[in-house]
Amino acid sequence: MSKHKTVSFDNEPLILVDGEDNVTGYETKVNAHLGDGLLHRAFSIFLFTENDEVLLQQRSGKKPLWPLYWSNSCCSHPRRGETYEQAVHRRLREELAVDADLKFLYRFQYQALFGDSGAERELCSVFVGKVPAPVRIDVNPSEIAAWRWMPSADVDRLIAEAPDRVTPWFVMEWQRLRNEFRAEIDALRPRGMISAA
């Protein structure tokens, strides 16, 4: 029997927001992603090592949107009554069984359709952290099919050569990290990585 718990639920309420991140209501996760999607609060996390590697995850094949696509280290939604700070650390523990110091970099709005299956329409806050290498993680198989630490230059190549294998938000976020935030990422100190088990 797996020690990992199921941490995502179709009926969990997502926080609906306007473009300024003001709460406008709540909707179940499944309904918020139907059709063109409803704008909701979300976050993405990128974990780097001091060797300029970044943790990528391959999304579980059971995900209704972008199953088995490669994406950033961790991403999800804050829950009702939860701050961003609480949400990002909770999700790191749930998906990777680790925690780390994280820095908020920026927030952006996007919409991406996945055929007729639904859409992501998010106001997404992007966080980064740096951890010492080598790092031992323990992925939650209900969320993650595979994972790897990849040099940043190889991530550039993956996105350029296999855009159909990566999630659209990851591509948008990575390009902005590389173009606008290299100095902030380089300045991060590797610390705070602990086992959450």
N, C-alpha and C. Protein backbone atom coordinates (compact mmCIF):
# COMPACT_ATOMS: atom_id res chain seq x y z
N MET A 1 0.85 -1.20 0.00
CA MET A 1 0.00 0.00 0.00
C MET A 1 0.88 1.25 0.00
N SER A 2 0.56 2.19 -0.90
CA SER A 2 1.38 3.39 -1.04
C SER A 2 1.27 4.28 0.19
N LYS A 3 2.39 4.88 0.59
CA LYS A 3 2.36 5.83 1.71
C LYS A 3 1.90 7.20 1.24
N HIS A 4 1.81 7.39 -0.08
CA HIS A 4 1.38 8.68 -0.62
C HIS A 4 -0.13 8.78 -0.61
N LYS A 5 -0.62 9.97 -0.30
CA LYS A 5 -2.05 10.22 -0.29
C LYS A 5 -2.48 10.88 -1.60
N THR A 6 -3.73 10.67 -1.96
CA THR A 6 -4.30 11.44 -3.06
C THR A 6 -4.45 12.88 -2.58
N VAL A 7 -3.95 13.82 -3.38
CA VAL A 7 -3.92 15.22 -2.93
C VAL A 7 -4.69 16.16 -3.85
N SER A 8 -5.24 15.61 -4.94
CA SER A 8 -6.05 16.42 -5.85
C SER A 8 -7.43 15.81 -5.97
N PHE A 9 -8.44 16.66 -5.95
CA PHE A 9 -9.82 16.19 -5.99
C PHE A 9 -10.63 17.04 -6.95
N ASP A 10 -11.47 16.40 -7.77
CA ASP A 10 -12.28 17.13 -8.73
C ASP A 10 -13.21 18.14 -8.07
N ASN A 11 -13.66 17.83 -6.84
CA ASN A 11 -14.64 18.70 -6.19
C ASN A 11 -14.01 19.73 -5.26
N GLU A 12 -12.66 19.82 -5.21
CA GLU A 12 -12.07 20.83 -4.33
C GLU A 12 -12.34 22.21 -4.91
N PRO A 13 -12.69 23.19 -4.07
CA PRO A 13 -13.03 24.52 -4.58
C PRO A 13 -11.79 25.31 -4.96
N LEU A 14 -11.77 25.82 -6.18
CA LEU A 14 -10.72 26.74 -6.60
C LEU A 14 -11.19 28.17 -6.38
N ILE A 15 -10.22 29.06 -6.21
CA ILE A 15 -10.51 30.46 -5.92
C ILE A 15 -10.59 31.21 -7.24
N LEU A 16 -11.78 31.67 -7.60
CA LEU A 16 -11.95 32.47 -8.81
C LEU A 16 -11.55 33.91 -8.52
N VAL A 17 -10.87 34.53 -9.49
CA VAL A 17 -10.35 35.88 -9.29
C VAL A 17 -10.56 36.71 -10.56
N ASP A 18 -10.37 38.03 -10.39
CA ASP A 18 -10.29 38.90 -11.56
C ASP A 18 -8.82 39.09 -11.92
N GLY A 19 -8.55 39.92 -12.90
CA GLY A 19 -7.17 40.11 -13.36
C GLY A 19 -6.25 40.76 -12.35
N GLU A 20 -6.82 41.33 -11.27
CA GLU A 20 -6.03 41.96 -10.22
C GLU A 20 -5.89 41.06 -9.00
N ASP A 21 -6.29 39.80 -9.12
CA ASP A 21 -6.21 38.80 -8.05
C ASP A 21 -7.20 39.06 -6.92
N ASN A 22 -8.28 39.76 -7.21
CA ASN A 22 -9.36 39.93 -6.25
C ASN A 22 -10.30 38.74 -6.35
N VAL A 23 -10.68 38.17 -5.22
CA VAL A 23 -11.54 36.99 -5.21
C VAL A 23 -12.94 37.36 -5.71
N THR A 24 -13.44 36.57 -6.67
CA THR A 24 -14.78 36.81 -7.22
C THR A 24 -15.73 35.66 -6.90
N GLY A 25 -15.22 34.55 -6.37
CA GLY A 25 -16.08 33.42 -6.04
C GLY A 25 -15.28 32.14 -5.96
N TYR A 26 -15.99 31.03 -5.99
CA TYR A 26 -15.36 29.71 -5.89
C TYR A 26 -16.07 28.75 -6.84
N GLU A 27 -15.32 27.80 -7.36
CA GLU A 27 -15.89 26.78 -8.23
C GLU A 27 -15.08 25.50 -8.08
N THR A 28 -15.74 24.36 -8.29
CA THR A 28 -15.00 23.10 -8.19
C THR A 28 -13.92 23.05 -9.27
N LYS A 29 -12.88 22.29 -8.98
CA LYS A 29 -11.76 22.20 -9.91
C LYS A 29 -12.21 21.70 -11.27
N VAL A 30 -13.05 20.68 -11.28
CA VAL A 30 -13.49 20.12 -12.56
C VAL A 30 -14.27 21.16 -13.36
N ASN A 31 -15.17 21.90 -12.72
CA ASN A 31 -15.96 22.90 -13.44
C ASN A 31 -15.13 24.10 -13.88
N ALA A 32 -14.13 24.47 -13.09
CA ALA A 32 -13.29 25.62 -13.43
C ALA A 32 -12.44 25.37 -14.67
N HIS A 33 -12.27 24.10 -15.05
CA HIS A 33 -11.45 23.76 -16.21
C HIS A 33 -12.25 23.34 -17.43
N LEU A 34 -13.57 23.38 -17.35
CA LEU A 34 -14.41 23.00 -18.49
C LEU A 34 -14.42 24.11 -19.54
N GLY A 35 -14.65 23.72 -20.79
CA GLY A 35 -14.77 24.71 -21.86
C GLY A 35 -13.55 25.59 -21.98
N ASP A 36 -13.77 26.91 -21.96
CA ASP A 36 -12.67 27.87 -22.03
C ASP A 36 -12.03 28.14 -20.68
N GLY A 37 -12.59 27.55 -19.62
CA GLY A 37 -12.05 27.72 -18.28
C GLY A 37 -12.53 29.00 -17.60
N LEU A 38 -12.50 28.98 -16.27
CA LEU A 38 -12.80 30.16 -15.46
C LEU A 38 -11.50 30.64 -14.83
N LEU A 39 -11.29 31.94 -14.82
CA LEU A 39 -10.04 32.49 -14.28
C LEU A 39 -9.94 32.17 -12.79
N HIS A 40 -8.84 31.51 -12.41
CA HIS A 40 -8.66 31.12 -11.01
C HIS A 40 -7.22 31.31 -10.58
N ARG A 41 -7.03 31.33 -9.28
CA ARG A 41 -5.72 31.54 -8.66
C ARG A 41 -4.89 30.26 -8.74
N ALA A 42 -3.62 30.40 -9.11
CA ALA A 42 -2.73 29.24 -9.24
C ALA A 42 -1.30 29.67 -8.93
N PHE A 43 -0.41 28.67 -8.85
CA PHE A 43 1.01 28.97 -8.66
C PHE A 43 1.86 27.92 -9.37
N SER A 44 3.07 28.33 -9.71
CA SER A 44 4.08 27.43 -10.28
C SER A 44 5.37 27.60 -9.49
N ILE A 45 6.07 26.47 -9.27
CA ILE A 45 7.33 26.47 -8.52
C ILE A 45 8.42 25.88 -9.40
N PHE A 46 9.58 26.51 -9.38
CA PHE A 46 10.78 25.99 -10.04
C PHE A 46 11.86 25.79 -8.98
N LEU A 47 12.34 24.56 -8.83
CA LEU A 47 13.45 24.27 -7.93
C LEU A 47 14.72 24.10 -8.75
N PHE A 48 15.74 24.89 -8.40
CA PHE A 48 17.05 24.83 -9.05
C PHE A 48 18.08 24.27 -8.08
N THR A 49 19.16 23.71 -8.63
CA THR A 49 20.33 23.37 -7.82
C THR A 49 21.41 24.43 -8.03
N GLU A 50 22.42 24.38 -7.21
CA GLU A 50 23.55 25.30 -7.37
C GLU A 50 24.33 25.03 -8.64
N ASN A 51 24.08 23.87 -9.28
CA ASN A 51 24.74 23.52 -10.55
C ASN A 51 23.91 23.93 -11.76
N ASP A 52 22.92 24.80 -11.56
CA ASP A 52 22.06 25.29 -12.64
C ASP A 52 21.26 24.18 -13.30
N GLU A 53 20.79 23.25 -12.48
CA GLU A 53 19.84 22.26 -12.95
C GLU A 53 18.48 22.62 -12.37
N VAL A 54 17.43 22.24 -13.07
CA VAL A 54 16.07 22.51 -12.60
C VAL A 54 15.30 21.19 -12.58
N LEU A 55 14.46 21.03 -11.59
CA LEU A 55 13.66 19.82 -11.47
C LEU A 55 12.44 19.92 -12.38
N LEU A 56 12.31 18.96 -13.30
CA LEU A 56 11.14 18.84 -14.14
C LEU A 56 10.34 17.62 -13.71
N GLN A 57 9.03 17.71 -13.87
CA GLN A 57 8.19 16.55 -13.60
C GLN A 57 7.35 16.23 -14.83
N GLN A 58 7.11 14.94 -15.03
CA GLN A 58 6.17 14.50 -16.05
C GLN A 58 4.84 14.25 -15.36
N ARG A 59 3.81 14.93 -15.82
CA ARG A 59 2.51 14.86 -15.18
C ARG A 59 1.92 13.45 -15.28
N SER A 60 1.20 13.06 -14.27
CA SER A 60 0.57 11.75 -14.24
C SER A 60 -0.29 11.52 -15.48
N GLY A 61 -0.33 10.28 -15.94
CA GLY A 61 -1.17 9.93 -17.07
C GLY A 61 -2.65 10.00 -16.75
N LYS A 62 -3.00 10.15 -15.47
CA LYS A 62 -4.39 10.24 -15.06
C LYS A 62 -4.91 11.68 -15.06
N LYS A 63 -4.02 12.63 -15.34
CA LYS A 63 -4.46 14.03 -15.37
C LYS A 63 -5.39 14.24 -16.57
N PRO A 64 -6.53 14.94 -16.38
CA PRO A 64 -7.43 15.17 -17.51
C PRO A 64 -6.86 16.14 -18.55
N LEU A 65 -6.00 17.06 -18.11
CA LEU A 65 -5.39 18.03 -19.01
C LEU A 65 -3.87 17.84 -19.03
N TRP A 66 -3.31 17.76 -20.20
CA TRP A 66 -1.87 17.59 -20.42
C TRP A 66 -1.29 16.39 -19.66
N PRO A 67 -1.90 15.20 -19.76
CA PRO A 67 -1.32 14.01 -19.11
C PRO A 67 -0.02 13.61 -19.78
N LEU A 68 0.96 13.23 -18.97
CA LEU A 68 2.28 12.76 -19.41
C LEU A 68 3.11 13.84 -20.11
N TYR A 69 2.70 15.09 -20.01
CA TYR A 69 3.52 16.20 -20.52
C TYR A 69 4.54 16.58 -19.44
N TRP A 70 5.69 17.04 -19.89
CA TRP A 70 6.71 17.53 -18.96
C TRP A 70 6.38 18.96 -18.55
N SER A 71 6.68 19.27 -17.29
CA SER A 71 6.34 20.59 -16.77
C SER A 71 7.35 20.99 -15.70
N ASN A 72 7.08 22.13 -15.07
CA ASN A 72 7.98 22.65 -14.04
C ASN A 72 7.92 21.80 -12.77
N SER A 73 8.72 22.14 -11.78
CA SER A 73 8.91 21.30 -10.60
C SER A 73 7.61 20.96 -9.90
N CYS A 74 6.72 21.93 -9.78
CA CYS A 74 5.48 21.72 -9.02
C CYS A 74 4.53 22.85 -9.37
N CYS A 75 3.24 22.54 -9.49
CA CYS A 75 2.26 23.60 -9.70
C CYS A 75 0.90 23.13 -9.21
N SER A 76 0.10 24.09 -8.76
CA SER A 76 -1.21 23.73 -8.22
C SER A 76 -2.00 25.01 -7.95
N HIS A 77 -2.96 24.91 -7.01
CA HIS A 77 -3.85 26.01 -6.68
C HIS A 77 -3.90 26.22 -5.16
N PRO A 78 -3.87 27.47 -4.70
CA PRO A 78 -4.16 27.70 -3.29
C PRO A 78 -5.59 27.26 -2.98
N ARG A 79 -5.80 26.81 -1.77
CA ARG A 79 -7.14 26.41 -1.35
C ARG A 79 -7.84 27.55 -0.62
N ARG A 80 -9.13 27.43 -0.51
CA ARG A 80 -9.93 28.46 0.15
C ARG A 80 -9.39 28.71 1.56
N GLY A 81 -9.14 29.96 1.90
CA GLY A 81 -8.63 30.33 3.21
C GLY A 81 -7.13 30.17 3.37
N GLU A 82 -6.42 29.84 2.28
CA GLU A 82 -4.99 29.56 2.34
C GLU A 82 -4.23 30.67 1.63
N THR A 83 -3.13 31.12 2.22
CA THR A 83 -2.27 32.11 1.56
C THR A 83 -1.41 31.42 0.52
N TYR A 84 -0.82 32.22 -0.37
CA TYR A 84 0.13 31.65 -1.34
C TYR A 84 1.28 30.95 -0.61
N GLU A 85 1.78 31.59 0.44
CA GLU A 85 2.92 31.03 1.18
C GLU A 85 2.57 29.66 1.77
N GLN A 86 1.41 29.54 2.34
CA GLN A 86 0.98 28.24 2.87
C GLN A 86 0.81 27.22 1.75
N ALA A 87 0.24 27.66 0.64
CA ALA A 87 -0.07 26.74 -0.46
C ALA A 87 1.17 26.17 -1.13
N VAL A 88 2.16 27.01 -1.39
CA VAL A 88 3.34 26.51 -2.12
C VAL A 88 4.11 25.50 -1.28
N HIS A 89 4.21 25.72 0.02
CA HIS A 89 4.95 24.77 0.86
C HIS A 89 4.15 23.48 1.07
N ARG A 90 2.84 23.61 1.20
CA ARG A 90 2.01 22.40 1.30
C ARG A 90 2.18 21.52 0.06
N ARG A 91 2.15 22.17 -1.10
CA ARG A 91 2.19 21.37 -2.33
C ARG A 91 3.55 20.74 -2.56
N LEU A 92 4.63 21.41 -2.19
CA LEU A 92 5.95 20.78 -2.29
C LEU A 92 6.00 19.51 -1.46
N ARG A 93 5.45 19.58 -0.25
CA ARG A 93 5.45 18.40 0.61
C ARG A 93 4.56 17.30 0.04
N GLU A 94 3.40 17.67 -0.50
CA GLU A 94 2.47 16.68 -1.02
C GLU A 94 2.99 15.97 -2.27
N GLU A 95 3.64 16.72 -3.18
CA GLU A 95 4.06 16.14 -4.45
C GLU A 95 5.46 15.56 -4.41
N LEU A 96 6.37 16.20 -3.65
CA LEU A 96 7.79 15.83 -3.71
C LEU A 96 8.36 15.39 -2.37
N ALA A 97 7.57 15.50 -1.31
CA ALA A 97 8.01 15.15 0.05
C ALA A 97 9.24 15.95 0.48
N VAL A 98 9.30 17.22 0.08
CA VAL A 98 10.38 18.12 0.46
C VAL A 98 9.80 19.50 0.75
N ASP A 99 10.64 20.35 1.29
CA ASP A 99 10.29 21.75 1.43
C ASP A 99 11.55 22.56 1.13
N ALA A 100 11.38 23.82 0.80
CA ALA A 100 12.52 24.66 0.44
C ALA A 100 12.15 26.12 0.61
N ASP A 101 13.14 26.97 0.80
CA ASP A 101 12.91 28.40 0.79
C ASP A 101 12.49 28.81 -0.62
N LEU A 102 11.45 29.60 -0.73
CA LEU A 102 10.95 30.01 -2.04
C LEU A 102 10.85 31.53 -2.12
N LYS A 103 11.07 32.03 -3.32
CA LYS A 103 10.97 33.47 -3.57
C LYS A 103 9.94 33.71 -4.67
N PHE A 104 8.99 34.62 -4.38
CA PHE A 104 8.01 35.01 -5.41
C PHE A 104 8.69 35.93 -6.42
N LEU A 105 8.47 35.65 -7.73
CA LEU A 105 9.07 36.49 -8.76
C LEU A 105 8.04 37.35 -9.50
N TYR A 106 6.97 36.75 -9.97
CA TYR A 106 6.00 37.54 -10.73
C TYR A 106 4.69 36.78 -10.85
N ARG A 107 3.67 37.47 -11.33
CA ARG A 107 2.34 36.89 -11.53
C ARG A 107 1.90 37.23 -12.95
N PHE A 108 1.24 36.29 -13.62
CA PHE A 108 0.78 36.54 -14.99
C PHE A 108 -0.51 35.78 -15.24
N GLN A 109 -1.24 36.24 -16.24
CA GLN A 109 -2.50 35.61 -16.62
C GLN A 109 -2.34 34.94 -17.97
N TYR A 110 -2.89 33.73 -18.10
CA TYR A 110 -2.84 33.03 -19.38
C TYR A 110 -4.06 32.13 -19.52
N GLN A 111 -4.30 31.71 -20.76
CA GLN A 111 -5.34 30.74 -21.07
C GLN A 111 -4.77 29.78 -22.10
N ALA A 112 -4.98 28.48 -21.88
CA ALA A 112 -4.50 27.46 -22.80
C ALA A 112 -5.55 26.36 -22.92
N LEU A 113 -5.94 26.03 -24.15
CA LEU A 113 -6.94 25.01 -24.40
C LEU A 113 -6.26 23.67 -24.66
N PHE A 114 -6.86 22.60 -24.15
CA PHE A 114 -6.36 21.24 -24.39
C PHE A 114 -7.42 20.49 -25.19
N GLY A 115 -7.45 20.76 -26.51
CA GLY A 115 -8.43 20.14 -27.38
C GLY A 115 -9.84 20.42 -26.88
N ASP A 116 -10.66 19.39 -26.88
CA ASP A 116 -12.03 19.50 -26.39
C ASP A 116 -12.16 19.12 -24.92
N SER A 117 -11.03 18.83 -24.27
CA SER A 117 -11.07 18.33 -22.89
C SER A 117 -11.25 19.42 -21.85
N GLY A 118 -10.91 20.65 -22.21
CA GLY A 118 -11.00 21.74 -21.26
C GLY A 118 -9.85 22.71 -21.42
N ALA A 119 -9.63 23.52 -20.39
CA ALA A 119 -8.63 24.58 -20.50
C ALA A 119 -8.08 24.95 -19.14
N GLU A 120 -6.88 25.51 -19.16
CA GLU A 120 -6.33 26.23 -18.02
C GLU A 120 -6.55 27.72 -18.29
N ARG A 121 -7.09 28.39 -17.32
CA ARG A 121 -7.25 29.85 -17.39
C ARG A 121 -6.90 30.37 -16.00
N GLU A 122 -5.66 30.78 -15.87
CA GLU A 122 -5.12 31.02 -14.53
C GLU A 122 -4.48 32.40 -14.39
N LEU A 123 -4.56 32.91 -13.18
CA LEU A 123 -3.71 34.01 -12.74
C LEU A 123 -2.66 33.32 -11.87
N CYS A 124 -1.48 33.15 -12.45
CA CYS A 124 -0.48 32.24 -11.88
C CYS A 124 0.69 33.01 -11.27
N SER A 125 1.01 32.70 -10.03
CA SER A 125 2.16 33.28 -9.33
C SER A 125 3.34 32.33 -9.42
N VAL A 126 4.50 32.85 -9.82
CA VAL A 126 5.68 32.02 -10.07
C VAL A 126 6.68 32.20 -8.93
N PHE A 127 7.10 31.07 -8.35
CA PHE A 127 8.05 31.03 -7.25
C PHE A 127 9.27 30.21 -7.66
N VAL A 128 10.43 30.59 -7.12
CA VAL A 128 11.66 29.84 -7.38
C VAL A 128 12.37 29.56 -6.06
N GLY A 129 13.14 28.48 -6.05
CA GLY A 129 13.97 28.15 -4.90
C GLY A 129 15.22 27.45 -5.38
N LYS A 130 16.24 27.47 -4.55
CA LYS A 130 17.50 26.79 -4.89
C LYS A 130 17.82 25.82 -3.77
N VAL A 131 18.19 24.60 -4.15
CA VAL A 131 18.43 23.54 -3.19
C VAL A 131 19.81 22.93 -3.41
N PRO A 132 20.41 22.37 -2.37
CA PRO A 132 21.72 21.74 -2.55
C PRO A 132 21.60 20.45 -3.35
N ALA A 133 22.63 20.15 -4.10
CA ALA A 133 22.65 18.89 -4.88
C ALA A 133 23.69 17.96 -4.25
N PRO A 134 23.47 16.63 -4.29
CA PRO A 134 22.26 15.98 -4.82
C PRO A 134 21.10 16.08 -3.84
N VAL A 135 19.89 16.05 -4.38
CA VAL A 135 18.69 16.19 -3.58
C VAL A 135 17.88 14.91 -3.66
N ARG A 136 17.45 14.43 -2.53
CA ARG A 136 16.60 13.24 -2.48
C ARG A 136 15.15 13.67 -2.38
N ILE A 137 14.35 13.26 -3.36
CA ILE A 137 12.93 13.56 -3.33
C ILE A 137 12.15 12.26 -3.42
N ASP A 138 10.88 12.34 -3.10
CA ASP A 138 10.01 11.16 -3.10
C ASP A 138 8.69 11.59 -3.73
N VAL A 139 8.54 11.35 -5.04
CA VAL A 139 7.40 11.90 -5.77
C VAL A 139 6.12 11.13 -5.46
N ASN A 140 5.03 11.85 -5.52
CA ASN A 140 3.70 11.27 -5.32
C ASN A 140 3.21 10.73 -6.67
N PRO A 141 3.06 9.41 -6.80
CA PRO A 141 2.72 8.84 -8.11
C PRO A 141 1.32 9.19 -8.60
N SER A 142 0.46 9.68 -7.72
CA SER A 142 -0.86 10.11 -8.19
C SER A 142 -0.77 11.44 -8.93
N GLU A 143 0.34 12.15 -8.78
CA GLU A 143 0.54 13.43 -9.44
C GLU A 143 1.63 13.40 -10.50
N ILE A 144 2.63 12.55 -10.30
CA ILE A 144 3.85 12.60 -11.12
C ILE A 144 4.18 11.22 -11.67
N ALA A 145 4.36 11.14 -13.00
CA ALA A 145 4.72 9.87 -13.64
C ALA A 145 6.24 9.66 -13.64
N ALA A 146 7.00 10.74 -13.78
CA ALA A 146 8.47 10.66 -13.82
C ALA A 146 9.02 12.04 -13.48
N TRP A 147 10.32 12.08 -13.19
CA TRP A 147 10.95 13.36 -12.86
C TRP A 147 12.42 13.29 -13.23
N ARG A 148 13.02 14.46 -13.39
CA ARG A 148 14.47 14.52 -13.66
C ARG A 148 15.02 15.91 -13.36
N TRP A 149 16.28 15.93 -12.93
CA TRP A 149 17.01 17.18 -12.81
C TRP A 149 17.68 17.42 -14.16
N MET A 150 17.46 18.60 -14.74
CA MET A 150 17.94 18.87 -16.09
C MET A 150 18.70 20.20 -16.12
N PRO A 151 19.89 20.23 -16.75
CA PRO A 151 20.58 21.51 -16.92
C PRO A 151 19.71 22.50 -17.67
N SER A 152 19.82 23.76 -17.31
CA SER A 152 18.97 24.78 -17.92
C SER A 152 19.10 24.81 -19.44
N ALA A 153 20.31 24.63 -19.94
CA ALA A 153 20.51 24.64 -21.39
C ALA A 153 19.75 23.49 -22.06
N ASP A 154 19.66 22.35 -21.38
CA ASP A 154 18.90 21.22 -21.92
C ASP A 154 17.40 21.49 -21.91
N VAL A 155 16.94 22.25 -20.91
CA VAL A 155 15.52 22.64 -20.89
C VAL A 155 15.22 23.55 -22.08
N ASP A 156 16.13 24.47 -22.38
CA ASP A 156 15.97 25.31 -23.57
C ASP A 156 15.80 24.46 -24.81
N ARG A 157 16.64 23.42 -24.95
CA ARG A 157 16.57 22.55 -26.12
C ARG A 157 15.28 21.74 -26.15
N LEU A 158 14.87 21.22 -24.99
CA LEU A 158 13.63 20.44 -24.92
C LEU A 158 12.45 21.27 -25.42
N ILE A 159 12.36 22.50 -24.97
CA ILE A 159 11.24 23.36 -25.37
C ILE A 159 11.32 23.69 -26.86
N ALA A 160 12.53 23.92 -27.36
CA ALA A 160 12.69 24.26 -28.77
C ALA A 160 12.42 23.07 -29.69
N GLU A 161 12.87 21.88 -29.27
CA GLU A 161 12.82 20.71 -30.15
C GLU A 161 11.59 19.85 -29.96
N ALA A 162 10.95 19.92 -28.79
CA ALA A 162 9.79 19.06 -28.53
C ALA A 162 8.68 19.84 -27.83
N PRO A 163 8.18 20.92 -28.46
CA PRO A 163 7.15 21.74 -27.81
C PRO A 163 5.86 20.98 -27.54
N ASP A 164 5.65 19.87 -28.23
CA ASP A 164 4.44 19.08 -28.03
C ASP A 164 4.56 18.13 -26.85
N ARG A 165 5.68 18.17 -26.14
CA ARG A 165 5.88 17.30 -24.97
C ARG A 165 5.89 18.07 -23.67
N VAL A 166 5.69 19.40 -23.72
CA VAL A 166 5.77 20.23 -22.53
C VAL A 166 4.49 21.06 -22.38
N THR A 167 4.15 21.39 -21.13
CA THR A 167 2.92 22.15 -20.90
C THR A 167 3.09 23.60 -21.33
N PRO A 168 2.01 24.23 -21.79
CA PRO A 168 2.13 25.61 -22.29
C PRO A 168 2.53 26.61 -21.22
N TRP A 169 2.04 26.45 -19.99
CA TRP A 169 2.41 27.41 -18.94
C TRP A 169 3.90 27.30 -18.60
N PHE A 170 4.41 26.09 -18.61
CA PHE A 170 5.83 25.88 -18.35
C PHE A 170 6.68 26.62 -19.38
N VAL A 171 6.31 26.53 -20.64
CA VAL A 171 7.05 27.22 -21.70
C VAL A 171 7.05 28.72 -21.47
N MET A 172 5.87 29.28 -21.18
CA MET A 172 5.77 30.72 -20.97
C MET A 172 6.59 31.16 -19.76
N GLU A 173 6.49 30.40 -18.69
CA GLU A 173 7.21 30.75 -17.46
C GLU A 173 8.72 30.62 -17.64
N TRP A 174 9.15 29.54 -18.27
CA TRP A 174 10.58 29.30 -18.45
C TRP A 174 11.21 30.39 -19.31
N GLN A 175 10.55 30.77 -20.38
CA GLN A 175 11.12 31.80 -21.26
C GLN A 175 11.27 33.12 -20.51
N ARG A 176 10.31 33.44 -19.66
CA ARG A 176 10.42 34.68 -18.90
C ARG A 176 11.50 34.58 -17.83
N LEU A 177 11.61 33.43 -17.17
CA LEU A 177 12.69 33.25 -16.20
C LEU A 177 14.05 33.45 -16.86
N ARG A 178 14.22 32.87 -18.02
CA ARG A 178 15.51 32.95 -18.72
C ARG A 178 15.80 34.36 -19.23
N ASN A 179 14.75 35.07 -19.63
CA ASN A 179 14.96 36.39 -20.23
C ASN A 179 15.02 37.52 -19.21
N GLU A 180 14.31 37.37 -18.09
CA GLU A 180 14.17 38.50 -17.16
C GLU A 180 14.70 38.27 -15.76
N PHE A 181 14.86 37.01 -15.35
CA PHE A 181 15.12 36.76 -13.93
C PHE A 181 16.36 35.92 -13.65
N ARG A 182 17.30 35.87 -14.59
CA ARG A 182 18.51 35.06 -14.37
C ARG A 182 19.30 35.56 -13.16
N ALA A 183 19.41 36.87 -13.02
CA ALA A 183 20.20 37.41 -11.91
C ALA A 183 19.59 37.05 -10.56
N GLU A 184 18.26 37.13 -10.46
CA GLU A 184 17.59 36.78 -9.21
C GLU A 184 17.78 35.30 -8.87
N ILE A 185 17.71 34.45 -9.88
CA ILE A 185 17.89 33.00 -9.65
C ILE A 185 19.33 32.71 -9.27
N ASP A 186 20.27 33.33 -9.96
CA ASP A 186 21.70 33.12 -9.64
C ASP A 186 22.02 33.55 -8.21
N ALA A 187 21.32 34.57 -7.73
CA ALA A 187 21.61 35.11 -6.40
C ALA A 187 21.01 34.28 -5.27
N LEU A 188 20.13 33.35 -5.59
CA LEU A 188 19.52 32.52 -4.55
C LEU A 188 20.57 31.64 -3.88
N ARG A 189 20.42 31.43 -2.59
CA ARG A 189 21.32 30.53 -1.87
C ARG A 189 20.65 29.18 -1.68
N PRO A 190 21.41 28.10 -1.92
CA PRO A 190 20.80 26.77 -1.75
C PRO A 190 20.66 26.42 -0.28
N ARG A 191 19.42 26.37 0.19
CA ARG A 191 19.16 26.01 1.58
C ARG A 191 17.69 25.68 1.77
N GLY A 192 17.42 25.07 2.89
CA GLY A 192 16.03 24.83 3.27
C GLY A 192 15.45 23.53 2.78
N MET A 193 16.27 22.71 2.08
CA MET A 193 15.71 21.45 1.57
C MET A 193 15.66 20.44 2.69
N ILE A 194 14.48 19.95 3.01
CA ILE A 194 14.34 18.97 4.07
C ILE A 194 13.38 17.89 3.64
N SER A 195 13.52 16.73 4.21
CA SER A 195 12.55 15.68 3.96
C SER A 195 11.30 15.98 4.76
N ALA A 196 10.16 15.85 4.10
CA ALA A 196 8.89 16.07 4.79
C ALA A 196 8.30 14.76 5.29
N ALA A 197 8.99 13.67 5.07
CA ALA A 197 8.46 12.37 5.47
C ALA A 197 8.48 12.23 6.99
